[in-house]
Amino acid sequence: MRVFSKSTLRNFYDKHEDCKEQLLTWYKVTTKANWKNFNDVKKYFNSVDCIRNSLLVFNIKGNKYRLVVDFNFKLQWAFVTFVGTHAEYDKKKF
């Protein structure tokens, strides 16, 4: 999968270093993956949930942070739409 954009992750973990390792692991796994659907993602990340269609939310650092990614499985890309604290996530409308 091609991930857009690593800089979004980097900007976040530069401010929240306690999640750097987990975000980088997510990035490495995702860029090497050839997922075809949500169930394929779920095999690698048990805590992932589907918000709607191909918009998935990942729990990061024991659910302290949330990562929301829009996947296009056919074109093999993933677009990071949000990364933030759980409280910030709760205020968003997805």
C-alpha atoms as a PDB file:
ATOM      1  CA  MET A   1       0.000   0.000   0.000  1.00  0.00           C
ATOM      2  CA  ARG A   2       1.115   3.513  -0.664  1.00  0.00           C
ATOM      3  CA  VAL A   3       0.591   5.753   2.372  1.00  0.00           C
ATOM      4  CA  PHE A   4      -0.188   9.459   2.108  1.00  0.00           C
ATOM      5  CA  SER A   5       1.379  11.077   4.034  1.00  0.00           C
ATOM      6  CA  LYS A   6       4.169  10.069   6.349  1.00  0.00           C
ATOM      7  CA  SER A   7       4.769  13.723   7.221  1.00  0.00           C
ATOM      8  CA  THR A   8       1.378  13.829   8.979  1.00  0.00           C
ATOM      9  CA  LEU A   9       2.517  10.987  11.214  1.00  0.00           C
ATOM     10  CA  ARG A  10       5.946  12.567  11.723  1.00  0.00           C
ATOM     11  CA  ASN A  11       4.470  15.933  12.708  1.00  0.00           C
ATOM     12  CA  PHE A  12       2.324  14.200  15.299  1.00  0.00           C
ATOM     13  CA  TYR A  13       4.970  11.957  16.844  1.00  0.00           C
ATOM     14  CA  ASP A  14       7.427  14.850  16.979  1.00  0.00           C
ATOM     15  CA  LYS A  15       5.006  16.403  19.485  1.00  0.00           C
ATOM     16  CA  HIS A  16       3.952  13.107  21.112  1.00  0.00           C
ATOM     17  CA  GLU A  17       7.082  10.972  21.227  1.00  0.00           C
ATOM     18  CA  ASP A  18       5.418   8.244  23.288  1.00  0.00           C
ATOM     19  CA  CYS A  19       3.605   7.025  20.161  1.00  0.00           C
ATOM     20  CA  LYS A  20       6.484   7.305  17.682  1.00  0.00           C
ATOM     21  CA  GLU A  21       7.361   3.613  17.702  1.00  0.00           C
ATOM     22  CA  GLN A  22       3.765   2.491  17.206  1.00  0.00           C
ATOM     23  CA  LEU A  23       3.094   4.956  14.379  1.00  0.00           C
ATOM     24  CA  LEU A  24       6.301   3.946  12.609  1.00  0.00           C
ATOM     25  CA  THR A  25       5.397   0.278  13.011  1.00  0.00           C
ATOM     26  CA  TRP A  26       1.935   0.961  11.565  1.00  0.00           C
ATOM     27  CA  TYR A  27       3.563   2.770   8.634  1.00  0.00           C
ATOM     28  CA  LYS A  28       6.075  -0.015   7.943  1.00  0.00           C
ATOM     29  CA  VAL A  29       3.461  -2.762   8.088  1.00  0.00           C
ATOM     30  CA  THR A  30       1.011  -0.820   5.934  1.00  0.00           C
ATOM     31  CA  THR A  31       3.512   0.120   3.224  1.00  0.00           C
ATOM     32  CA  LYS A  32       4.467  -3.550   2.839  1.00  0.00           C
ATOM     33  CA  ALA A  33       0.882  -4.810   2.846  1.00  0.00           C
ATOM     34  CA  ASN A  34      -1.288  -5.828  -0.075  1.00  0.00           C
ATOM     35  CA  TRP A  35      -4.628  -5.714   1.694  1.00  0.00           C
ATOM     36  CA  LYS A  36      -7.798  -6.297  -0.302  1.00  0.00           C
ATOM     37  CA  ASN A  37     -10.374  -5.400   2.364  1.00  0.00           C
ATOM     38  CA  PHE A  38     -11.031  -4.538   5.989  1.00  0.00           C
ATOM     39  CA  ASN A  39     -10.702  -8.156   7.109  1.00  0.00           C
ATOM     40  CA  ASP A  40      -7.134  -8.264   5.770  1.00  0.00           C
ATOM     41  CA  VAL A  41      -6.272  -5.185   7.838  1.00  0.00           C
ATOM     42  CA  LYS A  42      -7.931  -6.710  10.908  1.00  0.00           C
ATOM     43  CA  LYS A  43      -5.567  -9.711  10.694  1.00  0.00           C
ATOM     44  CA  TYR A  44      -2.607  -7.379  11.340  1.00  0.00           C
ATOM     45  CA  PHE A  45      -4.227  -4.805  13.610  1.00  0.00           C
ATOM     46  CA  ASN A  46      -6.764  -6.391  15.905  1.00  0.00           C
ATOM     47  CA  SER A  47      -7.871  -3.058  17.396  1.00  0.00           C
ATOM     48  CA  VAL A  48      -8.873  -1.505  14.053  1.00  0.00           C
ATOM     49  CA  ASP A  49     -12.514  -0.537  13.536  1.00  0.00           C
ATOM     50  CA  CYS A  50     -14.409   0.534  10.463  1.00  0.00           C
ATOM     51  CA  ILE A  51     -16.088   3.928  10.809  1.00  0.00           C
ATOM     52  CA  ARG A  52     -17.752   3.731   7.403  1.00  0.00           C
ATOM     53  CA  ASN A  53     -16.919   2.177   4.039  1.00  0.00           C
ATOM     54  CA  SER A  54     -13.119   2.205   3.842  1.00  0.00           C
ATOM     55  CA  LEU A  55     -12.501   4.743   6.630  1.00  0.00           C
ATOM     56  CA  LEU A  56     -10.717   2.871   9.408  1.00  0.00           C
ATOM     57  CA  VAL A  57      -9.681   3.925  12.905  1.00  0.00           C
ATOM     58  CA  PHE A  58      -6.663   2.464  14.693  1.00  0.00           C
ATOM     59  CA  ASN A  59      -6.059   2.616  18.433  1.00  0.00           C
ATOM     60  CA  ILE A  60      -2.531   3.804  19.130  1.00  0.00           C
ATOM     61  CA  LYS A  61      -0.656   3.535  22.415  1.00  0.00           C
ATOM     62  CA  GLY A  62      -3.361   1.676  24.314  1.00  0.00           C
ATOM     63  CA  ASN A  63      -6.151   3.847  22.883  1.00  0.00           C
ATOM     64  CA  LYS A  64      -4.476   7.072  24.068  1.00  0.00           C
ATOM     65  CA  TYR A  65      -4.301   8.179  20.432  1.00  0.00           C
ATOM     66  CA  ARG A  66      -6.375   7.523  17.343  1.00  0.00           C
ATOM     67  CA  LEU A  67      -5.270   7.178  13.742  1.00  0.00           C
ATOM     68  CA  VAL A  68      -7.951   7.504  11.048  1.00  0.00           C
ATOM     69  CA  VAL A  69      -7.071   6.318   7.560  1.00  0.00           C
ATOM     70  CA  ASP A  70      -9.072   6.227   4.348  1.00  0.00           C
ATOM     71  CA  PHE A  71      -8.160   3.135   2.334  1.00  0.00           C
ATOM     72  CA  ASN A  72      -8.598   2.475  -1.353  1.00  0.00           C
ATOM     73  CA  PHE A  73      -7.972  -1.247  -1.531  1.00  0.00           C
ATOM     74  CA  LYS A  74      -8.389  -1.433  -5.301  1.00  0.00           C
ATOM     75  CA  LEU A  75      -5.741   1.233  -5.984  1.00  0.00           C
ATOM     76  CA  GLN A  76      -3.633   0.159  -2.985  1.00  0.00           C
ATOM     77  CA  TRP A  77      -3.357   3.491  -1.221  1.00  0.00           C
ATOM     78  CA  ALA A  78      -4.041   4.732   2.287  1.00  0.00           C
ATOM     79  CA  PHE A  79      -4.630   8.381   3.148  1.00  0.00           C
ATOM     80  CA  VAL A  80      -4.069   9.491   6.747  1.00  0.00           C
ATOM     81  CA  THR A  81      -7.018  11.753   7.506  1.00  0.00           C
ATOM     82  CA  PHE A  82      -6.499  12.253  11.237  1.00  0.00           C
ATOM     83  CA  VAL A  83      -4.065  11.477  14.014  1.00  0.00           C
ATOM     84  CA  GLY A  84      -4.702  12.829  17.478  1.00  0.00           C
ATOM     85  CA  THR A  85      -5.645  12.156  21.047  1.00  0.00           C
ATOM     86  CA  HIS A  86      -8.699  10.133  21.916  1.00  0.00           C
ATOM     87  CA  ALA A  87     -10.361  13.319  23.220  1.00  0.00           C
ATOM     88  CA  GLU A  88      -9.678  15.136  19.933  1.00  0.00           C
ATOM     89  CA  TYR A  89     -11.066  12.170  18.004  1.00  0.00           C
ATOM     90  CA  ASP A  90     -14.273  12.238  20.049  1.00  0.00           C
ATOM     91  CA  LYS A  91     -14.887  15.849  18.919  1.00  0.00           C
ATOM     92  CA  LYS A  92     -14.530  15.001  15.201  1.00  0.00           C
ATOM     93  CA  LYS A  93     -17.380  14.137  12.873  1.00  0.00           C
ATOM     94  CA  PHE A  94     -16.362  11.320  10.551  1.00  0.00           C
END
